[in-house]
Structures are given as C-alpha cells and as structure tokens.
Amino acid sequence: MRVIAIDTTLAACSAAVLDTVYGGVVASESLPMTRGHAEALMPLLKRVMQEADLTFTDIDRVAVTTGPGSFTGLRVGIAAARGIALAAGKPIVGLSTLSAYAAPHMAADERFPVVAAIDARHAHVYLQVFSPGGRSFSAARLAPLREAIAAAAQEPSCIVGSAAQSVAAGLSDADAPPAIVDARPAPDIAWVARMGAVVPESRSLPKPLYLRAPDAQPQNAAQLPRR
C-alpha cells in the first residue's frame, strides 16, 4: 500500500510517502513552523511526491492528522488531504495528533503507559492516556495541566507531546519517574504514514478534533444591522 501522510496541526508542516511493499517511507519532509502552513504545504507536497517519483493517482490512501492542535493548521491539512483524495479518487483517513505522538512509543516498548499531552495554553493541555499495548484509558480531552501530571505520577510512563516537559517538570520526588520524556513540537510524520496504512477507513473519518472553542469570538457590537 502507498500512503501520503500530511500533518499541519502543530509546529511543523510535514508530509511523507509510505510504500509498505517497497521499503517503508520513501520520501518525507518536515518544516518547523507555527504559522504559514497554508503557503508551505502544497510546494512541500510537490517536492515529496517528486522525491517518491509518484503522482497522486499512484497513491492508495491519504492520511491526515485531525487535531487537537492549531485551529488554522489542522483545517489547512484536512482541506488539502480532502482535495487530493477527491481529485485522485482515493480513500482518506484521519488520525488524532495525540495518537500520532503515542504510536512510536507504544510500538517500541509495551511495558509503559503513554501520557500524551499537547499544550493548550492557560495551564491546560489536550490529554489522552494509553495503556501498555496501546488501548486508550479515556477519550482525548481538554484538561488542566495538573490532571496530566497526576496521570504521569501514578507509574513510570512515556510522557510525549508538546507539553511533555511541563508535565515532567510538575512531578515531585515522591512521584513515579518518567520512563521517557519526548517533547518534540510535532508528531513524527513517518508514524502518521504508518498509522494511516493500518487504521480502518470506516472508523477514521477526517473530521477536525478541536476539543475546545476558539479563543477568537465574534463581537456582537461588530455585527451589521439587518435591513
């Protein structure tokens, strides 16, 4: 199976092509950025497809991260993925950013739970905890940072995500020490592609996973009167 994977949810604009028959990831690129995903994504996709020596019609599936993350960023990625899937007549799957963070650690070592936490600002995180072996303890949710710290304190855990350092810093000497702290600013796009190759299409729709309302709200005073 050939998969094109896209991630624009956080502090990177990334894409990768995975070929499960011929050698895994055959092309990838990740540009660190917090803004400008819309301008960077299509040129980046063109470069990745040229490196893979493929066209979009050669792809079997499109995979895209759906959040939580930047409201603008995740919409950019989902819109591009939907456009590619529609134009090429290919299926599309959506993957949560939290599961993309957790996947490489669950695959590498099944002894530890994974606490995935993304910075949501104002002392809150987007949080999901996965048991050893990959089953989630609970649904992804917006939570106070202290809840993520409490989850990581119970037993040695892999703490991953953009808020991983904040979670680890909140642990006391009496708490369980972390097994791993992986605070990379965005998921590994290669793992987004690998997940995209195996998730069921029917249960992985490319819908935005916001988990919170946007900070910017329309002002009633700015509304124009109806005529």
C-alpha atoms as a PDB file:
ATOM      1  CA  MET A   1       0.000   0.000   0.000  1.00  0.00           C
ATOM      2  CA  ARG A   2       1.136   3.530  -0.826  1.00  0.00           C
ATOM      3  CA  VAL A   3       0.102   6.254   1.618  1.00  0.00           C
ATOM      4  CA  ILE A   4       0.601  10.014   1.505  1.00  0.00           C
ATOM      5  CA  ALA A   5       0.532  11.424   5.047  1.00  0.00           C
ATOM      6  CA  ILE A   6       0.032  15.079   5.980  1.00  0.00           C
ATOM      7  CA  ASP A   7       0.439  16.868   9.320  1.00  0.00           C
ATOM      8  CA  THR A   8      -0.082  20.601   9.868  1.00  0.00           C
ATOM      9  CA  THR A   9      -1.705  20.544  13.301  1.00  0.00           C
ATOM     10  CA  LEU A  10       1.150  21.943  15.407  1.00  0.00           C
ATOM     11  CA  ALA A  11       4.623  23.437  14.967  1.00  0.00           C
ATOM     12  CA  ALA A  12       5.556  21.760  11.685  1.00  0.00           C
ATOM     13  CA  CYS A  13       4.359  21.356   8.133  1.00  0.00           C
ATOM     14  CA  SER A  14       5.056  17.749   7.204  1.00  0.00           C
ATOM     15  CA  ALA A  15       4.351  15.135   4.564  1.00  0.00           C
ATOM     16  CA  ALA A  16       5.604  11.629   3.855  1.00  0.00           C
ATOM     17  CA  VAL A  17       5.011   8.858   1.352  1.00  0.00           C
ATOM     18  CA  LEU A  18       4.957   5.303   2.692  1.00  0.00           C
ATOM     19  CA  ASP A  19       5.181   2.230   0.472  1.00  0.00           C
ATOM     20  CA  THR A  20       4.529  -0.878   2.545  1.00  0.00           C
ATOM     21  CA  VAL A  21       5.784  -3.172  -0.219  1.00  0.00           C
ATOM     22  CA  TYR A  22       8.987  -1.369  -1.193  1.00  0.00           C
ATOM     23  CA  GLY A  23      10.918  -0.244   1.832  1.00  0.00           C
ATOM     24  CA  GLY A  24       8.681   1.794   4.110  1.00  0.00           C
ATOM     25  CA  VAL A  25       8.906   5.597   3.964  1.00  0.00           C
ATOM     26  CA  VAL A  26      10.296   6.505   0.534  1.00  0.00           C
ATOM     27  CA  ALA A  27      10.074  10.297   0.831  1.00  0.00           C
ATOM     28  CA  SER A  28       9.388  12.809   3.600  1.00  0.00           C
ATOM     29  CA  GLU A  29       9.915  16.418   4.579  1.00  0.00           C
ATOM     30  CA  SER A  30       9.118  18.370   7.735  1.00  0.00           C
ATOM     31  CA  LEU A  31       9.461  22.141   8.056  1.00  0.00           C
ATOM     32  CA  PRO A  32       9.377  23.649  11.569  1.00  0.00           C
ATOM     33  CA  MET A  33       6.802  26.458  11.712  1.00  0.00           C
ATOM     34  CA  THR A  34       3.981  27.761  13.867  1.00  0.00           C
ATOM     35  CA  ARG A  35       2.384  29.854  11.117  1.00  0.00           C
ATOM     36  CA  GLY A  36       2.292  29.781   7.329  1.00  0.00           C
ATOM     37  CA  HIS A  37       1.207  26.167   6.836  1.00  0.00           C
ATOM     38  CA  ALA A  38      -1.218  27.141   4.070  1.00  0.00           C
ATOM     39  CA  GLU A  39       1.540  28.714   1.979  1.00  0.00           C
ATOM     40  CA  ALA A  40       4.105  25.978   2.659  1.00  0.00           C
ATOM     41  CA  LEU A  41       2.044  22.809   2.305  1.00  0.00           C
ATOM     42  CA  MET A  42       1.393  22.500  -1.438  1.00  0.00           C
ATOM     43  CA  PRO A  43       5.025  23.197  -2.502  1.00  0.00           C
ATOM     44  CA  LEU A  44       6.156  20.733   0.170  1.00  0.00           C
ATOM     45  CA  LEU A  45       3.753  18.069  -1.125  1.00  0.00           C
ATOM     46  CA  LYS A  46       5.035  18.618  -4.654  1.00  0.00           C
ATOM     47  CA  ARG A  47       8.637  18.076  -3.511  1.00  0.00           C
ATOM     48  CA  VAL A  48       7.765  14.935  -1.565  1.00  0.00           C
ATOM     49  CA  MET A  49       5.851  13.416  -4.465  1.00  0.00           C
ATOM     50  CA  GLN A  50       8.727  14.207  -6.837  1.00  0.00           C
ATOM     51  CA  GLU A  51      11.194  12.575  -4.443  1.00  0.00           C
ATOM     52  CA  ALA A  52       8.962   9.482  -4.319  1.00  0.00           C
ATOM     53  CA  ASP A  53       8.630   9.582  -8.135  1.00  0.00           C
ATOM     54  CA  LEU A  54       4.864   9.192  -7.864  1.00  0.00           C
ATOM     55  CA  THR A  55       1.701  11.039  -8.794  1.00  0.00           C
ATOM     56  CA  PHE A  56      -1.325  11.327  -6.530  1.00  0.00           C
ATOM     57  CA  THR A  57      -3.156   8.759  -8.656  1.00  0.00           C
ATOM     58  CA  ASP A  58      -0.430   6.249  -7.728  1.00  0.00           C
ATOM     59  CA  ILE A  59      -1.348   6.623  -4.047  1.00  0.00           C
ATOM     60  CA  ASP A  60      -3.710   4.098  -2.433  1.00  0.00           C
ATOM     61  CA  ARG A  61      -4.708   6.172   0.597  1.00  0.00           C
ATOM     62  CA  VAL A  62      -4.429   9.684   2.014  1.00  0.00           C
ATOM     63  CA  ALA A  63      -3.819  10.096   5.770  1.00  0.00           C
ATOM     64  CA  VAL A  64      -4.043  13.352   7.714  1.00  0.00           C
ATOM     65  CA  THR A  65      -3.815  14.411  11.344  1.00  0.00           C
ATOM     66  CA  THR A  66      -7.088  15.937  12.528  1.00  0.00           C
ATOM     67  CA  GLY A  67      -6.095  17.534  15.826  1.00  0.00           C
ATOM     68  CA  PRO A  68      -6.161  18.604  18.507  1.00  0.00           C
ATOM     69  CA  GLY A  69      -3.847  21.441  17.619  1.00  0.00           C
ATOM     70  CA  SER A  70      -3.861  24.781  15.894  1.00  0.00           C
ATOM     71  CA  PHE A  71      -7.345  25.598  14.616  1.00  0.00           C
ATOM     72  CA  THR A  72      -5.968  27.077  11.403  1.00  0.00           C
ATOM     73  CA  GLY A  73      -3.265  24.469  10.922  1.00  0.00           C
ATOM     74  CA  LEU A  74      -5.478  21.429  11.216  1.00  0.00           C
ATOM     75  CA  ARG A  75      -8.010  22.910   8.795  1.00  0.00           C
ATOM     76  CA  VAL A  76      -5.226  23.515   6.254  1.00  0.00           C
ATOM     77  CA  GLY A  77      -4.097  19.898   6.385  1.00  0.00           C
ATOM     78  CA  ILE A  78      -7.587  18.409   6.275  1.00  0.00           C
ATOM     79  CA  ALA A  79      -8.633  20.620   3.364  1.00  0.00           C
ATOM     80  CA  ALA A  80      -5.538  19.647   1.362  1.00  0.00           C
ATOM     81  CA  ALA A  81      -5.976  15.950   2.128  1.00  0.00           C
ATOM     82  CA  ARG A  82      -9.638  16.026   1.144  1.00  0.00           C
ATOM     83  CA  GLY A  83      -8.780  17.823  -2.088  1.00  0.00           C
ATOM     84  CA  ILE A  84      -6.125  15.269  -3.010  1.00  0.00           C
ATOM     85  CA  ALA A  85      -8.400  12.339  -2.152  1.00  0.00           C
ATOM     86  CA  LEU A  86     -11.266  13.782  -4.173  1.00  0.00           C
ATOM     87  CA  ALA A  87      -9.165  14.662  -7.212  1.00  0.00           C
ATOM     88  CA  ALA A  88      -7.345  11.317  -7.259  1.00  0.00           C
ATOM     89  CA  GLY A  89     -10.382   9.246  -6.312  1.00  0.00           C
ATOM     90  CA  LYS A  90      -8.646   7.736  -3.281  1.00  0.00           C
ATOM     91  CA  PRO A  91      -9.851   6.972   0.267  1.00  0.00           C
ATOM     92  CA  ILE A  92      -8.848   9.235   3.144  1.00  0.00           C
ATOM     93  CA  VAL A  93      -8.342   8.537   6.847  1.00  0.00           C
ATOM     94  CA  GLY A  94      -7.977  10.909   9.784  1.00  0.00           C
ATOM     95  CA  LEU A  95      -5.679  10.337  12.768  1.00  0.00           C
ATOM     96  CA  SER A  96      -5.592  12.185  16.066  1.00  0.00           C
ATOM     97  CA  THR A  97      -2.440  14.135  16.849  1.00  0.00           C
ATOM     98  CA  LEU A  98      -2.303  12.563  20.315  1.00  0.00           C
ATOM     99  CA  SER A  99      -2.309   9.016  18.932  1.00  0.00           C
ATOM    100  CA  ALA A 100       0.367  10.012  16.404  1.00  0.00           C
ATOM    101  CA  TYR A 101       2.566  11.190  19.294  1.00  0.00           C
ATOM    102  CA  ALA A 102       1.949   7.982  21.224  1.00  0.00           C
ATOM    103  CA  ALA A 103       2.332   5.445  18.393  1.00  0.00           C
ATOM    104  CA  PRO A 104       6.143   5.128  18.182  1.00  0.00           C
ATOM    105  CA  HIS A 105       6.463   4.660  21.930  1.00  0.00           C
ATOM    106  CA  MET A 106       3.697   2.075  22.102  1.00  0.00           C
ATOM    107  CA  ALA A 107       5.401   0.182  19.281  1.00  0.00           C
ATOM    108  CA  ALA A 108       8.879   0.413  20.836  1.00  0.00           C
ATOM    109  CA  ASP A 109       8.020  -0.746  24.370  1.00  0.00           C
ATOM    110  CA  GLU A 110       4.759  -2.232  25.633  1.00  0.00           C
ATOM    111  CA  ARG A 111       5.777  -2.096  29.304  1.00  0.00           C
ATOM    112  CA  PHE A 112       4.788   1.505  29.927  1.00  0.00           C
ATOM    113  CA  PRO A 113       1.615   3.556  29.572  1.00  0.00           C
ATOM    114  CA  VAL A 114       1.822   6.656  27.406  1.00  0.00           C
ATOM    115  CA  VAL A 115       0.658  10.057  28.607  1.00  0.00           C
ATOM    116  CA  ALA A 116       0.189  12.223  25.505  1.00  0.00           C
ATOM    117  CA  ALA A 117      -0.196  15.938  26.236  1.00  0.00           C
ATOM    118  CA  ILE A 118      -0.319  18.893  23.852  1.00  0.00           C
ATOM    119  CA  ASP A 119      -0.018  22.453  25.126  1.00  0.00           C
ATOM    120  CA  ALA A 120      -3.450  24.115  25.021  1.00  0.00           C
ATOM    121  CA  ARG A 121      -2.266  27.282  26.844  1.00  0.00           C
ATOM    122  CA  HIS A 122      -3.642  28.815  30.040  1.00  0.00           C
ATOM    123  CA  ALA A 123      -2.327  25.887  32.156  1.00  0.00           C
ATOM    124  CA  HIS A 124      -4.367  23.373  30.133  1.00  0.00           C
ATOM    125  CA  VAL A 125      -3.415  20.519  27.829  1.00  0.00           C
ATOM    126  CA  TYR A 126      -5.060  18.265  25.313  1.00  0.00           C
ATOM    127  CA  LEU A 127      -4.683  14.933  27.066  1.00  0.00           C
ATOM    128  CA  GLN A 128      -5.022  11.252  26.319  1.00  0.00           C
ATOM    129  CA  VAL A 129      -3.576   8.334  28.282  1.00  0.00           C
ATOM    130  CA  PHE A 130      -2.827   4.996  26.620  1.00  0.00           C
ATOM    131  CA  SER A 131      -2.316   1.743  28.489  1.00  0.00           C
ATOM    132  CA  PRO A 132       0.684  -0.518  27.801  1.00  0.00           C
ATOM    133  CA  GLY A 133      -0.038  -2.117  24.450  1.00  0.00           C
ATOM    134  CA  GLY A 134      -1.942   0.834  23.050  1.00  0.00           C
ATOM    135  CA  ARG A 135      -5.501   0.801  24.370  1.00  0.00           C
ATOM    136  CA  SER A 136      -6.632   4.244  25.487  1.00  0.00           C
ATOM    137  CA  PHE A 137      -7.765   4.717  29.078  1.00  0.00           C
ATOM    138  CA  SER A 138     -10.053   7.567  28.112  1.00  0.00           C
ATOM    139  CA  ALA A 139     -11.067   9.731  25.200  1.00  0.00           C
ATOM    140  CA  ALA A 140      -8.951  12.707  24.212  1.00  0.00           C
ATOM    141  CA  ARG A 141      -9.997  15.766  26.199  1.00  0.00           C
ATOM    142  CA  LEU A 142      -9.074  19.269  27.258  1.00  0.00           C
ATOM    143  CA  ALA A 143      -7.781  19.065  30.841  1.00  0.00           C
ATOM    144  CA  PRO A 144      -5.911  21.147  33.401  1.00  0.00           C
ATOM    145  CA  LEU A 145      -2.169  20.542  33.352  1.00  0.00           C
ATOM    146  CA  ARG A 146      -2.408  19.134  36.871  1.00  0.00           C
ATOM    147  CA  GLU A 147      -4.517  16.213  35.554  1.00  0.00           C
ATOM    148  CA  ALA A 148      -1.786  15.255  33.119  1.00  0.00           C
ATOM    149  CA  ILE A 149       0.778  15.464  35.914  1.00  0.00           C
ATOM    150  CA  ALA A 150      -1.413  13.268  38.111  1.00  0.00           C
ATOM    151  CA  ALA A 151      -1.766  10.688  35.333  1.00  0.00           C
ATOM    152  CA  ALA A 152       2.009  10.554  34.847  1.00  0.00           C
ATOM    153  CA  ALA A 153       2.678  10.372  38.593  1.00  0.00           C
ATOM    154  CA  GLN A 154       0.971   7.033  39.160  1.00  0.00           C
ATOM    155  CA  GLU A 155       3.576   4.800  37.475  1.00  0.00           C
ATOM    156  CA  PRO A 156       6.575   5.153  35.159  1.00  0.00           C
ATOM    157  CA  SER A 157       5.189   6.414  31.850  1.00  0.00           C
ATOM    158  CA  CYS A 158       6.248   7.650  28.455  1.00  0.00           C
ATOM    159  CA  ILE A 159       5.326  11.346  28.535  1.00  0.00           C
ATOM    160  CA  VAL A 160       5.005  12.658  24.991  1.00  0.00           C
ATOM    161  CA  GLY A 161       3.770  15.727  23.168  1.00  0.00           C
ATOM    162  CA  SER A 162       4.476  19.436  23.062  1.00  0.00           C
ATOM    163  CA  ALA A 163       3.559  19.729  26.765  1.00  0.00           C
ATOM    164  CA  ALA A 164       5.690  16.762  27.860  1.00  0.00           C
ATOM    165  CA  GLN A 165       8.340  18.913  29.560  1.00  0.00           C
ATOM    166  CA  SER A 166       5.685  20.817  31.511  1.00  0.00           C
ATOM    167  CA  VAL A 167       4.151  17.547  32.682  1.00  0.00           C
ATOM    168  CA  ALA A 168       7.513  16.072  33.677  1.00  0.00           C
ATOM    169  CA  ALA A 169       8.500  19.277  35.475  1.00  0.00           C
ATOM    170  CA  GLY A 170       5.372  19.033  37.618  1.00  0.00           C
ATOM    171  CA  LEU A 171       6.304  15.625  39.031  1.00  0.00           C
ATOM    172  CA  SER A 172       7.627  15.547  42.586  1.00  0.00           C
ATOM    173  CA  ASP A 173      10.335  13.327  44.059  1.00  0.00           C
ATOM    174  CA  ALA A 174       7.602  11.154  45.534  1.00  0.00           C
ATOM    175  CA  ASP A 175       6.030  10.504  42.136  1.00  0.00           C
ATOM    176  CA  ALA A 176       6.975   7.742  39.726  1.00  0.00           C
ATOM    177  CA  PRO A 177       9.872   8.849  37.499  1.00  0.00           C
ATOM    178  CA  PRO A 178       9.076   9.068  33.792  1.00  0.00           C
ATOM    179  CA  ALA A 179      10.304   6.284  31.522  1.00  0.00           C
ATOM    180  CA  ILE A 180      10.703   8.676  28.595  1.00  0.00           C
ATOM    181  CA  VAL A 181      10.058  12.381  28.036  1.00  0.00           C
ATOM    182  CA  ASP A 182       9.576  13.151  24.350  1.00  0.00           C
ATOM    183  CA  ALA A 183       8.692  16.821  23.914  1.00  0.00           C
ATOM    184  CA  ARG A 184       9.073  17.156  20.157  1.00  0.00           C
ATOM    185  CA  PRO A 185       6.915  20.031  18.817  1.00  0.00           C
ATOM    186  CA  ALA A 186       5.064  17.887  16.266  1.00  0.00           C
ATOM    187  CA  PRO A 187       4.454  14.167  15.667  1.00  0.00           C
ATOM    188  CA  ASP A 188       6.858  12.085  13.583  1.00  0.00           C
ATOM    189  CA  ILE A 189       5.327  12.184  10.095  1.00  0.00           C
ATOM    190  CA  ALA A 190       6.667   8.698   9.328  1.00  0.00           C
ATOM    191  CA  TRP A 191       4.455   7.330  12.085  1.00  0.00           C
ATOM    192  CA  VAL A 192       1.462   9.248  10.773  1.00  0.00           C
ATOM    193  CA  ALA A 193       2.018   7.431   7.486  1.00  0.00           C
ATOM    194  CA  ARG A 194       2.417   4.041   9.184  1.00  0.00           C
ATOM    195  CA  MET A 195      -0.780   4.534  11.163  1.00  0.00           C
ATOM    196  CA  GLY A 196      -2.538   5.697   8.010  1.00  0.00           C
ATOM    197  CA  ALA A 197      -1.766   2.376   6.349  1.00  0.00           C
ATOM    198  CA  VAL A 198      -3.447   0.259   9.014  1.00  0.00           C
ATOM    199  CA  VAL A 199      -6.402   2.153  10.509  1.00  0.00           C
ATOM    200  CA  PRO A 200      -9.885   1.144   9.312  1.00  0.00           C
ATOM    201  CA  GLU A 201     -11.342   3.642   6.861  1.00  0.00           C
ATOM    202  CA  SER A 202     -14.868   3.389   8.283  1.00  0.00           C
ATOM    203  CA  ARG A 203     -13.755   4.406  11.805  1.00  0.00           C
ATOM    204  CA  SER A 204     -11.205   7.072  10.875  1.00  0.00           C
ATOM    205  CA  LEU A 205     -13.084   9.890   9.194  1.00  0.00           C
ATOM    206  CA  PRO A 206     -11.079  13.100   8.504  1.00  0.00           C
ATOM    207  CA  LYS A 207     -13.078  15.353  10.831  1.00  0.00           C
ATOM    208  CA  PRO A 208     -11.436  18.157  12.846  1.00  0.00           C
ATOM    209  CA  LEU A 209     -10.879  17.267  16.505  1.00  0.00           C
ATOM    210  CA  TYR A 210     -10.953  20.669  18.190  1.00  0.00           C
ATOM    211  CA  LEU A 211     -11.728  19.775  21.864  1.00  0.00           C
ATOM    212  CA  ARG A 212     -12.198  23.457  22.723  1.00  0.00           C
ATOM    213  CA  ALA A 213     -13.888  26.550  21.348  1.00  0.00           C
ATOM    214  CA  PRO A 214     -11.689  29.051  19.505  1.00  0.00           C
ATOM    215  CA  ASP A 215     -10.204  31.904  21.531  1.00  0.00           C
ATOM    216  CA  ALA A 216     -11.399  34.443  18.975  1.00  0.00           C
ATOM    217  CA  GLN A 217     -15.140  35.011  19.191  1.00  0.00           C
ATOM    218  CA  PRO A 218     -17.328  37.285  17.055  1.00  0.00           C
ATOM    219  CA  GLN A 219     -18.318  40.518  18.763  1.00  0.00           C
ATOM    220  CA  ASN A 220     -21.994  41.346  18.812  1.00  0.00           C
ATOM    221  CA  ALA A 221     -21.174  45.021  18.578  1.00  0.00           C
ATOM    222  CA  ALA A 222     -19.416  44.421  15.285  1.00  0.00           C
ATOM    223  CA  GLN A 223     -22.485  42.910  13.617  1.00  0.00           C
ATOM    224  CA  LEU A 224     -24.077  45.000  10.920  1.00  0.00           C
ATOM    225  CA  PRO A 225     -27.786  45.798  11.383  1.00  0.00           C
ATOM    226  CA  ARG A 226     -30.184  43.925   9.135  1.00  0.00           C
ATOM    227  CA  ARG A 227     -32.136  45.879   6.575  1.00  0.00           C
END
